[in-house]
Protein backbone atom coordinates (compact mmCIF):
# COMPACT_ATOMS: atom_id res chain seq x y z
CA UNK A 1 84.54 135.75 83.59
CA UNK A 2 81.01 135.65 82.32
CA UNK A 3 80.78 133.77 78.95
CA UNK A 4 78.18 132.41 76.47
CA UNK A 5 77.24 129.37 78.67
CA UNK A 6 76.08 131.74 81.38
CA UNK A 7 73.07 132.64 79.31
CA UNK A 8 71.70 129.16 80.01
CA UNK A 9 70.41 127.69 83.33
CA UNK A 10 73.41 125.38 83.72
CA UNK A 11 74.98 126.68 86.94
CA UNK A 12 75.85 124.35 89.74
CA UNK A 13 77.68 126.89 91.91
CA UNK A 14 77.43 130.67 92.49
CA UNK A 15 80.19 131.21 89.86
CA UNK A 16 80.45 131.82 86.15
CA UNK A 17 80.43 128.47 84.30
CA UNK A 18 84.01 129.22 83.21
CA UNK A 19 85.22 128.92 86.80
CA UNK A 20 85.54 125.52 88.36
CA UNK A 21 83.54 125.06 91.60
CA UNK A 22 86.73 123.68 93.22
CA UNK A 23 90.13 125.34 93.62
CA UNK A 24 91.88 121.96 93.23
CA UNK A 25 94.57 122.44 90.59
CA UNK A 26 93.79 118.90 89.29
CA UNK A 27 90.26 119.73 88.09
CA UNK A 28 89.84 118.52 84.52
CA UNK A 29 87.16 118.06 81.82
CA UNK A 30 88.18 115.65 79.02
CA UNK A 31 86.97 113.76 75.98
CA UNK A 32 88.45 110.45 74.75
CA UNK A 33 87.77 108.67 71.40
CA UNK A 34 89.10 105.65 69.55
CA UNK A 35 88.53 104.21 66.12
CA UNK A 36 89.51 101.02 64.32
CA UNK A 37 88.48 99.01 61.23
CA UNK A 38 88.24 95.57 63.02
CA UNK A 39 91.37 94.38 61.32
CA UNK A 40 93.61 94.78 64.33
CA UNK A 41 96.13 96.42 62.01
CA UNK A 42 95.53 100.08 62.79
CA UNK A 43 94.15 102.00 65.78
CA UNK A 44 93.33 105.64 66.24
CA UNK A 45 93.02 107.21 69.67
CA UNK A 46 92.23 110.93 70.31
CA UNK A 47 91.51 113.26 73.24
CA UNK A 48 90.87 116.85 74.27
CA UNK A 49 90.97 118.23 77.72
CA UNK A 50 90.39 121.50 79.64
CA UNK A 51 92.25 122.28 82.88
CA UNK A 52 90.82 125.64 84.04
CA UNK A 53 92.81 125.90 87.28
CA UNK A 54 96.00 125.42 85.36
CA UNK A 55 95.03 127.85 82.63
CA UNK A 56 95.62 125.27 79.89
CA UNK A 57 93.87 123.01 77.36
CA UNK A 58 95.32 120.37 75.19
CA UNK A 59 94.64 117.61 72.65
CA UNK A 60 96.39 114.55 71.32
CA UNK A 61 96.20 112.04 68.51
CA UNK A 62 97.77 108.58 68.66
CA UNK A 63 98.03 106.49 65.51
CA UNK A 64 99.28 102.92 65.79
CA UNK A 65 100.02 100.95 62.59
CA UNK A 66 102.48 98.06 62.37
CA UNK A 67 105.35 98.60 64.77
CA UNK A 68 105.11 102.37 64.81
CA UNK A 69 103.10 104.52 67.24
CA UNK A 70 102.82 108.16 66.24
CA UNK A 71 101.71 110.90 68.67
CA UNK A 72 100.61 114.42 67.85
CA UNK A 73 100.44 116.87 70.78
CA UNK A 74 98.68 120.20 70.84
CA UNK A 75 98.46 122.85 73.63
CA UNK A 76 97.00 126.31 74.09
CA UNK A 77 95.88 128.68 76.88
CA UNK A 78 92.38 127.82 78.20
CA UNK A 79 89.52 130.09 77.13
CA UNK A 80 85.91 130.56 78.18
CA UNK A 81 84.23 129.57 74.88
CA UNK A 82 83.39 126.02 76.02
CA UNK A 83 80.70 125.74 73.28
CA UNK A 84 83.58 125.83 70.73
CA UNK A 85 85.92 123.00 71.85
CA UNK A 86 89.18 123.37 70.11
CA UNK A 87 92.92 123.36 70.66
CA UNK A 88 94.66 124.92 67.70
CA UNK A 89 93.81 122.91 64.56
CA UNK A 90 91.92 120.19 66.54
CA UNK A 91 88.24 120.59 67.37
CA UNK A 92 85.14 118.76 68.45
CA UNK A 93 81.71 119.72 67.13
CA UNK A 94 78.45 118.55 68.76
CA UNK A 95 75.64 118.60 66.18
CA UNK A 96 73.45 116.23 68.31
CA UNK A 97 74.54 115.86 71.97
CA UNK A 98 74.98 112.30 73.20
CA UNK A 99 74.34 110.94 69.66
CA UNK A 100 76.35 112.60 66.89
CA UNK A 101 79.74 114.38 66.98
CA UNK A 102 82.38 115.54 64.55
CA UNK A 103 86.12 115.46 65.21
CA UNK A 104 88.36 117.54 62.96
CA UNK A 105 92.17 117.99 62.77
CA UNK A 106 93.30 120.43 60.11
CA UNK A 107 96.45 119.16 58.44
CA UNK A 108 99.26 119.37 60.96
CA UNK A 109 102.62 117.65 60.83
CA UNK A 110 101.39 115.33 58.08
CA UNK A 111 98.16 114.31 59.78
CA UNK A 112 94.50 115.34 59.21
CA UNK A 113 91.10 114.05 60.32
CA UNK A 114 87.49 114.72 59.44
CA UNK A 115 85.45 112.05 61.27
CA UNK A 116 81.74 111.90 62.12
CA UNK A 117 80.68 109.83 65.12
CA UNK A 118 77.26 108.12 65.47
CA UNK A 119 76.38 106.54 68.74
CA UNK A 120 75.00 102.98 68.27
CA UNK A 121 73.30 102.96 71.74
CA UNK A 122 72.51 105.48 74.40
CA UNK A 123 75.52 106.86 76.33
CA UNK A 124 75.89 105.09 79.71
CA UNK A 125 76.55 107.04 82.88
CA UNK A 126 79.12 105.15 84.92
CA UNK A 127 79.34 105.02 88.69
CA UNK A 128 81.32 107.83 90.32
CA UNK A 129 84.97 106.89 90.80
CA UNK A 130 86.87 108.03 93.92
CA UNK A 131 90.37 107.26 95.05
CA UNK A 132 92.41 108.44 98.03
CA UNK A 133 96.03 108.45 99.13
CA UNK A 134 95.79 108.66 102.88
CA UNK A 135 93.17 111.36 103.54
CA UNK A 136 93.72 113.15 100.24
CA UNK A 137 91.43 112.69 97.26
CA UNK A 138 93.53 111.85 94.19
CA UNK A 139 90.68 110.92 91.84
CA UNK A 140 87.00 112.05 91.98
CA UNK A 141 85.51 111.63 88.55
CA UNK A 142 82.22 111.25 86.75
CA UNK A 143 82.17 109.61 83.33
CA UNK A 144 79.81 108.42 80.58
CA UNK A 145 80.73 105.99 77.88
CA UNK A 146 79.32 105.16 74.42
CA UNK A 147 79.98 102.77 71.53
CA UNK A 148 79.41 103.70 67.96
CA UNK A 149 80.69 103.97 64.38
CA UNK A 150 82.77 106.46 62.38
CA UNK A 151 82.56 107.98 58.90
CA UNK A 152 84.91 110.35 57.11
CA UNK A 153 88.50 110.64 56.00
CA UNK A 154 91.95 110.48 57.46
CA UNK A 155 95.26 111.66 56.07
CA UNK A 156 98.52 110.22 57.39
CA UNK A 157 101.76 111.21 55.66
CA UNK A 158 100.14 111.55 52.26
CA UNK A 159 97.98 108.43 52.46
CA UNK A 160 94.25 109.15 52.49
CA UNK A 161 92.16 106.61 54.39
CA UNK A 162 88.41 106.33 53.81
CA UNK A 163 86.58 105.67 57.06
CA UNK A 164 83.32 103.86 56.41
CA UNK A 165 80.76 103.16 59.20
CA UNK A 166 80.17 99.61 58.03
CA UNK A 167 83.75 98.82 58.98
CA UNK A 168 85.06 101.48 61.36
CA UNK A 169 83.78 101.20 64.92
CA UNK A 170 84.96 102.74 68.16
CA UNK A 171 84.19 103.83 71.69
CA UNK A 172 84.29 107.20 73.49
CA UNK A 173 83.99 108.64 76.98
CA UNK A 174 83.58 111.97 78.69
CA UNK A 175 84.96 112.44 82.13
CA UNK A 176 85.36 115.36 84.49
CA UNK A 177 86.41 115.94 88.08
CA UNK A 178 89.76 115.64 89.79
CA UNK A 179 92.71 113.56 88.68
CA UNK A 180 96.50 114.25 88.60
CA UNK A 181 97.29 116.64 85.70
CA UNK A 182 99.92 119.14 84.76
CA UNK A 183 103.31 119.55 86.30
CA UNK A 184 104.25 117.25 89.20
CA UNK A 185 103.37 118.51 92.63
CA UNK A 186 105.69 118.45 95.67
CA UNK A 187 105.54 114.93 97.06
CA UNK A 188 105.03 115.76 100.75
CA UNK A 189 105.20 112.83 103.12
CA UNK A 190 105.57 109.46 101.33
CA UNK A 191 102.43 107.32 101.11
CA UNK A 192 102.06 104.90 103.99
CA UNK A 193 101.72 102.16 102.99
CA UNK A 194 103.59 102.89 99.72
CA UNK A 195 101.86 102.33 96.38
CA UNK A 196 102.42 98.69 95.45
CA UNK A 197 100.50 98.49 92.23
CA UNK A 198 97.05 98.32 90.65
CA UNK A 199 94.98 96.19 88.23
CA UNK A 200 92.64 97.96 85.78
CA UNK A 201 90.31 96.59 83.13
CA UNK A 202 87.91 98.56 80.92
CA UNK A 203 85.84 96.85 78.24
CA UNK A 204 83.21 98.84 76.22
CA UNK A 205 82.07 96.39 73.52
CA UNK A 206 79.51 96.82 70.66
CA UNK A 207 77.32 93.91 69.57
CA UNK A 208 74.51 94.08 67.02
CA UNK A 209 71.68 93.96 69.59
CA UNK A 210 73.33 95.49 72.69
CA UNK A 211 76.50 96.91 74.12
CA UNK A 212 78.39 95.99 77.26
CA UNK A 213 80.42 98.47 79.29
CA UNK A 214 82.62 96.95 82.02
CA UNK A 215 85.04 98.77 84.29
CA UNK A 216 86.97 97.32 87.24
CA UNK A 217 89.93 98.23 89.46
CA UNK A 218 91.68 96.04 92.01
CA UNK A 219 94.38 96.42 94.63
CA UNK A 220 97.50 94.23 94.60
CA UNK A 221 95.69 91.89 97.03
CA UNK A 222 92.84 91.51 94.49
CA UNK A 223 90.40 93.60 96.48
CA UNK A 224 87.99 95.23 93.98
CA UNK A 225 87.71 98.91 94.72
CA UNK A 226 85.65 99.77 91.64
CA UNK A 227 83.12 97.54 89.87
CA UNK A 228 80.64 98.65 87.23
CA UNK A 229 79.25 96.41 84.53
CA UNK A 230 76.10 97.09 82.47
CA UNK A 231 74.46 96.16 79.20
CA UNK A 232 72.53 98.75 77.15
CA UNK A 233 69.79 97.73 74.72
CA UNK A 234 68.47 99.67 71.66
CA UNK A 235 65.40 100.85 73.59
CA UNK A 236 67.61 102.45 76.25
CA UNK A 237 67.02 99.77 78.84
CA UNK A 238 70.04 99.17 81.09
CA UNK A 239 70.73 95.74 82.61
CA UNK A 240 73.32 95.33 85.37
CA UNK A 241 75.64 92.37 84.93
CA UNK A 242 76.79 91.91 88.48
CA UNK A 243 80.30 91.21 89.75
CA UNK A 244 82.25 89.85 86.73
CA UNK A 245 84.87 87.16 87.27
CA UNK A 246 87.76 88.13 85.00
CA UNK A 247 90.83 86.11 83.96
CA UNK A 248 93.24 88.05 81.73
CA UNK A 249 95.56 86.04 79.52
CA UNK A 250 99.13 87.22 78.93
CA UNK A 251 101.78 86.46 76.38
CA UNK A 252 104.61 84.41 78.00
CA UNK A 253 107.42 86.49 79.30
CA UNK A 254 105.44 89.72 79.23
CA UNK A 255 102.56 91.62 80.72
CA UNK A 256 101.01 92.14 77.35
CA UNK A 257 97.44 90.87 77.29
CA UNK A 258 96.34 88.43 74.55
CA UNK A 259 92.70 88.48 75.76
CA UNK A 260 90.46 87.66 78.67
CA UNK A 261 87.60 85.41 79.81
CA UNK A 262 84.89 87.49 81.50
CA UNK A 263 81.99 85.83 83.30
CA UNK A 264 79.12 88.20 83.95
CA UNK A 265 75.74 87.36 85.55
CA UNK A 266 72.30 88.72 84.57
CA UNK A 267 69.92 89.76 87.42
CA UNK A 268 68.05 86.42 86.91
CA UNK A 269 71.34 84.44 87.54
CA UNK A 270 72.03 83.47 83.92
CA UNK A 271 75.67 83.68 82.88
CA UNK A 272 76.82 86.00 80.12
CA UNK A 273 80.27 84.85 79.01
CA UNK A 274 82.60 87.15 77.09
CA UNK A 275 85.70 85.66 75.40
CA UNK A 276 87.82 88.72 74.50
CA UNK A 277 90.66 88.83 72.06
CA UNK A 278 93.14 91.68 72.40
CA UNK A 279 94.82 92.96 69.32
CA UNK A 280 97.38 95.69 68.48
CA UNK A 281 98.53 96.96 71.98
CA UNK A 282 98.67 100.78 72.04
CA UNK A 283 100.23 102.00 75.30
CA UNK A 284 98.51 105.20 76.54
CA UNK A 285 101.73 106.19 78.30
CA UNK A 286 103.74 106.11 75.09
CA UNK A 287 102.83 109.56 73.76
CA UNK A 288 99.25 109.54 74.92
CA UNK A 289 99.94 111.53 78.09
CA UNK A 290 98.47 109.11 80.58
CA UNK A 291 100.24 107.89 83.78
CA UNK A 292 103.89 106.98 83.27
CA UNK A 293 104.37 108.90 80.05
CA UNK A 294 107.78 110.71 80.15
CA UNK A 295 107.08 112.68 76.92
CA UNK A 296 103.65 114.17 77.43
CA UNK A 297 101.25 114.87 80.32
CA UNK A 298 97.71 116.20 80.16
CA UNK A 299 97.46 119.80 81.43
CA UNK A 300 101.16 120.41 81.13
CA UNK A 301 101.84 124.05 79.96
CA UNK A 302 103.94 123.97 76.85
CA UNK A 303 103.26 127.46 75.55
CA UNK A 304 100.68 129.01 73.26
CA UNK A 305 100.16 127.22 69.98
CA UNK A 306 102.27 124.31 71.02
CA UNK A 307 102.55 121.49 68.41
CA UNK A 308 104.82 118.48 68.36
CA UNK A 309 104.89 115.07 66.64
CA UNK A 310 106.72 112.10 68.05
CA UNK A 311 107.09 108.53 66.74
CA UNK A 312 107.92 105.32 68.61
CA UNK A 313 109.12 101.97 67.41
CA UNK A 314 107.22 99.81 69.90
CA UNK A 315 109.57 96.82 69.36
CA UNK A 316 112.64 98.43 70.73
CA UNK A 317 113.68 97.14 74.24
CA UNK A 318 113.21 100.65 75.70
CA UNK A 319 109.68 101.09 74.46
CA UNK A 320 108.55 97.48 74.85
CA UNK A 321 109.85 97.49 78.38
CA UNK A 322 107.61 100.49 79.22
CA UNK A 323 104.39 98.64 78.42
CA UNK A 324 104.10 97.04 81.90
CA UNK A 325 104.22 100.42 83.69
CA UNK A 326 101.02 101.86 82.29
CA UNK A 327 97.61 101.22 80.82
CA UNK A 328 97.36 99.77 77.33
CA UNK A 329 94.52 100.03 74.88
CA UNK A 330 93.92 97.11 72.53
CA UNK A 331 91.59 96.66 69.65
CA UNK A 332 89.02 94.33 71.16
CA UNK A 333 87.05 91.45 69.54
CA UNK A 334 84.60 89.55 71.71
CA UNK A 335 82.40 86.50 71.46
CA UNK A 336 79.36 86.58 73.73
CA UNK A 337 77.87 83.21 74.81
CA UNK A 338 74.41 83.41 76.44
CA UNK A 339 71.77 80.69 76.78
CA UNK A 340 73.11 78.83 73.75
CA UNK A 341 73.36 81.93 71.56
CA UNK A 342 76.65 83.32 70.29
CA UNK A 343 77.23 86.89 69.00
CA UNK A 344 80.34 88.81 67.87
CA UNK A 345 81.32 92.21 69.21
CA UNK A 346 84.02 94.77 68.62
CA UNK A 347 85.28 97.58 70.76
CA UNK A 348 88.03 98.40 73.26
CA UNK A 349 89.93 96.14 75.59
CA UNK A 350 91.89 98.49 78.04
CA UNK A 351 94.00 96.88 80.62
CA UNK A 352 96.95 97.60 82.89
CA UNK A 353 98.52 95.48 85.67
CA UNK A 354 101.14 97.65 87.33
CA UNK A 355 103.31 96.31 90.07
CA UNK A 356 102.07 93.46 92.25
CA UNK A 357 98.80 91.67 91.66
CA UNK A 358 98.45 88.41 93.49
CA UNK A 359 95.50 87.03 91.56
CA UNK A 360 97.36 87.37 88.30
CA UNK A 361 100.49 85.77 89.65
CA UNK A 362 102.66 88.92 89.61
CA UNK A 363 104.64 89.15 92.81
CA UNK A 364 106.40 92.46 92.28
CA UNK A 365 106.96 95.32 89.76
CA UNK A 366 109.06 93.29 87.39
CA UNK A 367 107.47 89.78 87.50
CA UNK A 368 106.26 88.50 84.03
CA UNK A 369 103.81 85.86 82.80
CA UNK A 370 105.28 82.29 82.74
């Protein structure tokens, strides 16, 4: 169906913009945001996604404070007004593309948001990311990432929280393409060889004079199938930081990360060393809808005007035991050492080691750090 965007020269296929250029049911278009006050005591994560071939759109809010992780889920039928991004009471406004945004949640189930995003550096286009299972494409995505600050107010169960840009920082990304969404598909023939695990690390970090965006994925054998690490400067210049050597540190008896040592290399061969501290683990598969979440899945049809709020005590054996079967977002603090200079940065440390990963010392799905 023709819509407002078709007035503009944006077309990439002989179709209305509302229609995806692929018939793959897993086509998606999603925004992700996080915000924290650098204390490591509270962490806000939000997202909104469109799934045109499933006829759905949805949004979520995760709020981690203390031992409680609260999830708000929203769902609606998809529509063609893509210039007005909203799912029920949740919406994203774009006053200045790639620089300034506004995220609003009208009061719902005891939660409300009115937050203004300001990008600290230019958004960074990451490398295309493609994964296959046999001959089938399971992931084919394009993404950009940005670090920045937040300003506004939050309301959580009667408590109003003032969000000031001199304290509240965060990261965001936009991604679109193909990834598993919605209801599970028929399995077909089992994978050969079977899926044995994966190692994933994503670190967008904001410093005063630059930002670093690092993204890596490895197989159980330690073979790196995705590597993208760049530094962005205030003038827009992008510097590649090579093939980082990463050692993730884990709390004993768990797969919960306490931090990481990341050795990057400038084009001139000089080392850029990042010592990252991971605080306040917030599992994305505990109400966030990402892989392994039994309560919520992006693109899953729940009915028109769907709203639900769930809360999790992350210390219970059931919930704590789920941490090792998905990707976890941590409030990230980093110290950068470069040519005798030291600088402090804040952002996101996202990590998941699922199943076997030889380099980390995990021999199977249930192995834990010594």
